[in-house]
Amino acid sequence: MAVSFTTPTYDLKAIKKTFNSVGKLKMTGTSRKGATELGFDDQDVVNAIQSISNSDFYKTMPANNPNFKQHDVYKFHWKSVHIYLKFQDLNGYLVVSFKLV
């Protein structure tokens, strides 16, 4: 199946359901550091993810490692911050990037 870089690879509704509580949040060290630098705790990250809409989709991009699946990128405002958020599915969704745009 060909990858479209202009439509999401992953279902946003499923992502939001996966990350609907702090206990279910899975983040890379880089994304956690980015959230912390923005002054966000895990509950803030969960709340930010829950606020995303389909219109916040920015692009799908290839992973740096060719053995991994692509990333879906969203850009949106939450708590007056313009956030760049990247998801990947590695046997379950993972927040790969969470930072200031």
C-alpha atoms as a PDB file:
ATOM      1  CA  MET A   1       0.000   0.000   0.000  1.00  0.00           C
ATOM      2  CA  ALA A   2       1.369   3.415  -0.952  1.00  0.00           C
ATOM      3  CA  VAL A   3       1.849   6.023   1.754  1.00  0.00           C
ATOM      4  CA  SER A   4       0.060   9.344   1.375  1.00  0.00           C
ATOM      5  CA  PHE A   5       1.921  12.247   2.899  1.00  0.00           C
ATOM      6  CA  THR A   6      -1.133  14.511   2.808  1.00  0.00           C
ATOM      7  CA  THR A   7      -3.600  12.366   4.743  1.00  0.00           C
ATOM      8  CA  PRO A   8      -3.147  10.803   8.178  1.00  0.00           C
ATOM      9  CA  THR A   9      -1.850   7.258   8.365  1.00  0.00           C
ATOM     10  CA  TYR A  10      -3.355   6.636  11.796  1.00  0.00           C
ATOM     11  CA  ASP A  11      -6.903   7.104  13.037  1.00  0.00           C
ATOM     12  CA  LEU A  12      -7.010  10.177  15.291  1.00  0.00           C
ATOM     13  CA  LYS A  13     -10.020   8.817  17.152  1.00  0.00           C
ATOM     14  CA  ALA A  14      -8.035   5.662  18.027  1.00  0.00           C
ATOM     15  CA  ILE A  15      -5.031   7.733  19.107  1.00  0.00           C
ATOM     16  CA  LYS A  16      -7.181   9.863  21.384  1.00  0.00           C
ATOM     17  CA  LYS A  17      -8.780   6.759  22.879  1.00  0.00           C
ATOM     18  CA  THR A  18      -5.334   5.220  23.445  1.00  0.00           C
ATOM     19  CA  PHE A  19      -4.092   8.331  25.257  1.00  0.00           C
ATOM     20  CA  ASN A  20      -7.198   9.161  27.292  1.00  0.00           C
ATOM     21  CA  SER A  21      -5.425   8.914  30.665  1.00  0.00           C
ATOM     22  CA  VAL A  22      -1.979   9.517  32.139  1.00  0.00           C
ATOM     23  CA  GLY A  23      -1.565   5.807  32.844  1.00  0.00           C
ATOM     24  CA  LYS A  24      -1.868   5.017  29.129  1.00  0.00           C
ATOM     25  CA  LEU A  25       0.506   7.733  27.909  1.00  0.00           C
ATOM     26  CA  LYS A  26       3.570   6.430  26.030  1.00  0.00           C
ATOM     27  CA  MET A  27       6.197   9.003  25.090  1.00  0.00           C
ATOM     28  CA  THR A  28       9.786   8.980  23.890  1.00  0.00           C
ATOM     29  CA  GLY A  29      12.369  10.663  26.106  1.00  0.00           C
ATOM     30  CA  THR A  30      12.628  13.454  23.549  1.00  0.00           C
ATOM     31  CA  SER A  31       8.888  14.129  23.550  1.00  0.00           C
ATOM     32  CA  ARG A  32       8.738  14.052  27.361  1.00  0.00           C
ATOM     33  CA  LYS A  33      11.641  16.526  27.522  1.00  0.00           C
ATOM     34  CA  GLY A  34       9.856  18.796  25.048  1.00  0.00           C
ATOM     35  CA  ALA A  35       6.641  18.722  27.071  1.00  0.00           C
ATOM     36  CA  THR A  36       8.555  19.474  30.273  1.00  0.00           C
ATOM     37  CA  GLU A  37      10.324  22.396  28.595  1.00  0.00           C
ATOM     38  CA  LEU A  38       6.887  23.796  27.745  1.00  0.00           C
ATOM     39  CA  GLY A  39       5.907  23.469  31.410  1.00  0.00           C
ATOM     40  CA  PHE A  40       3.505  20.595  30.731  1.00  0.00           C
ATOM     41  CA  ASP A  41       3.047  17.543  32.935  1.00  0.00           C
ATOM     42  CA  ASP A  42       1.638  14.220  31.724  1.00  0.00           C
ATOM     43  CA  GLN A  43      -1.967  15.295  32.361  1.00  0.00           C
ATOM     44  CA  ASP A  44      -1.370  18.400  30.229  1.00  0.00           C
ATOM     45  CA  VAL A  45      -0.080  16.180  27.416  1.00  0.00           C
ATOM     46  CA  VAL A  46      -3.168  13.954  27.674  1.00  0.00           C
ATOM     47  CA  ASN A  47      -5.432  17.017  27.648  1.00  0.00           C
ATOM     48  CA  ALA A  48      -3.572  18.487  24.679  1.00  0.00           C
ATOM     49  CA  ILE A  49      -3.946  15.239  22.714  1.00  0.00           C
ATOM     50  CA  GLN A  50      -7.657  15.145  23.537  1.00  0.00           C
ATOM     51  CA  SER A  51      -8.016  18.669  22.111  1.00  0.00           C
ATOM     52  CA  ILE A  52      -6.621  17.774  18.664  1.00  0.00           C
ATOM     53  CA  SER A  53      -9.027  17.787  15.739  1.00  0.00           C
ATOM     54  CA  ASN A  54      -8.687  16.335  12.255  1.00  0.00           C
ATOM     55  CA  SER A  55      -8.142  19.854  10.904  1.00  0.00           C
ATOM     56  CA  ASP A  56      -4.937  20.068  12.992  1.00  0.00           C
ATOM     57  CA  PHE A  57      -3.299  17.393  10.820  1.00  0.00           C
ATOM     58  CA  TYR A  58      -0.150  18.776   9.193  1.00  0.00           C
ATOM     59  CA  LYS A  59       1.535  15.904   7.338  1.00  0.00           C
ATOM     60  CA  THR A  60       2.678  12.297   7.334  1.00  0.00           C
ATOM     61  CA  MET A  61       6.415  11.890   7.170  1.00  0.00           C
ATOM     62  CA  PRO A  62       8.778   8.926   6.908  1.00  0.00           C
ATOM     63  CA  ALA A  63      10.597   7.717   9.996  1.00  0.00           C
ATOM     64  CA  ASN A  64      14.358   8.275  10.146  1.00  0.00           C
ATOM     65  CA  ASN A  65      14.810   4.518  10.457  1.00  0.00           C
ATOM     66  CA  PRO A  66      13.494   2.709   7.336  1.00  0.00           C
ATOM     67  CA  ASN A  67      12.478  -0.255   9.523  1.00  0.00           C
ATOM     68  CA  PHE A  68       9.873   1.887  11.325  1.00  0.00           C
ATOM     69  CA  LYS A  69       6.493   3.127  10.176  1.00  0.00           C
ATOM     70  CA  GLN A  70       5.828   6.718   9.230  1.00  0.00           C
ATOM     71  CA  HIS A  71       4.830   9.527  11.607  1.00  0.00           C
ATOM     72  CA  ASP A  72       1.657  11.612  11.632  1.00  0.00           C
ATOM     73  CA  VAL A  73       2.292  15.240  12.538  1.00  0.00           C
ATOM     74  CA  TYR A  74      -0.234  17.634  14.045  1.00  0.00           C
ATOM     75  CA  LYS A  75       0.161  21.362  14.687  1.00  0.00           C
ATOM     76  CA  PHE A  76      -2.307  22.977  17.065  1.00  0.00           C
ATOM     77  CA  HIS A  77      -2.754  25.499  19.867  1.00  0.00           C
ATOM     78  CA  TRP A  78      -3.316  24.444  23.449  1.00  0.00           C
ATOM     79  CA  LYS A  79      -2.886  26.608  26.564  1.00  0.00           C
ATOM     80  CA  SER A  80      -1.830  29.456  24.245  1.00  0.00           C
ATOM     81  CA  VAL A  81       1.108  27.378  22.982  1.00  0.00           C
ATOM     82  CA  HIS A  82       1.564  26.376  19.321  1.00  0.00           C
ATOM     83  CA  ILE A  83       2.448  22.674  19.578  1.00  0.00           C
ATOM     84  CA  TYR A  84       4.111  20.308  17.108  1.00  0.00           C
ATOM     85  CA  LEU A  85       3.068  16.734  17.956  1.00  0.00           C
ATOM     86  CA  LYS A  86       4.207  13.606  16.160  1.00  0.00           C
ATOM     87  CA  PHE A  87       2.717  10.100  16.595  1.00  0.00           C
ATOM     88  CA  GLN A  88       4.015   6.734  15.463  1.00  0.00           C
ATOM     89  CA  ASP A  89       2.672   3.200  15.785  1.00  0.00           C
ATOM     90  CA  LEU A  90       5.290   0.821  17.178  1.00  0.00           C
ATOM     91  CA  ASN A  91       3.138  -2.067  18.374  1.00  0.00           C
ATOM     92  CA  GLY A  92       0.893   0.613  19.862  1.00  0.00           C
ATOM     93  CA  TYR A  93       0.816   4.381  19.523  1.00  0.00           C
ATOM     94  CA  LEU A  94       3.717   6.432  20.790  1.00  0.00           C
ATOM     95  CA  VAL A  95       4.206  10.198  21.146  1.00  0.00           C
ATOM     96  CA  VAL A  96       7.473  10.744  19.291  1.00  0.00           C
ATOM     97  CA  SER A  97       7.679  14.525  19.429  1.00  0.00           C
ATOM     98  CA  PHE A  98       5.955  17.182  21.556  1.00  0.00           C
ATOM     99  CA  LYS A  99       7.447  20.643  21.207  1.00  0.00           C
ATOM    100  CA  LEU A 100       6.951  24.257  20.331  1.00  0.00           C
ATOM    101  CA  VAL A 101       6.312  24.877  16.641  1.00  0.00           C
END
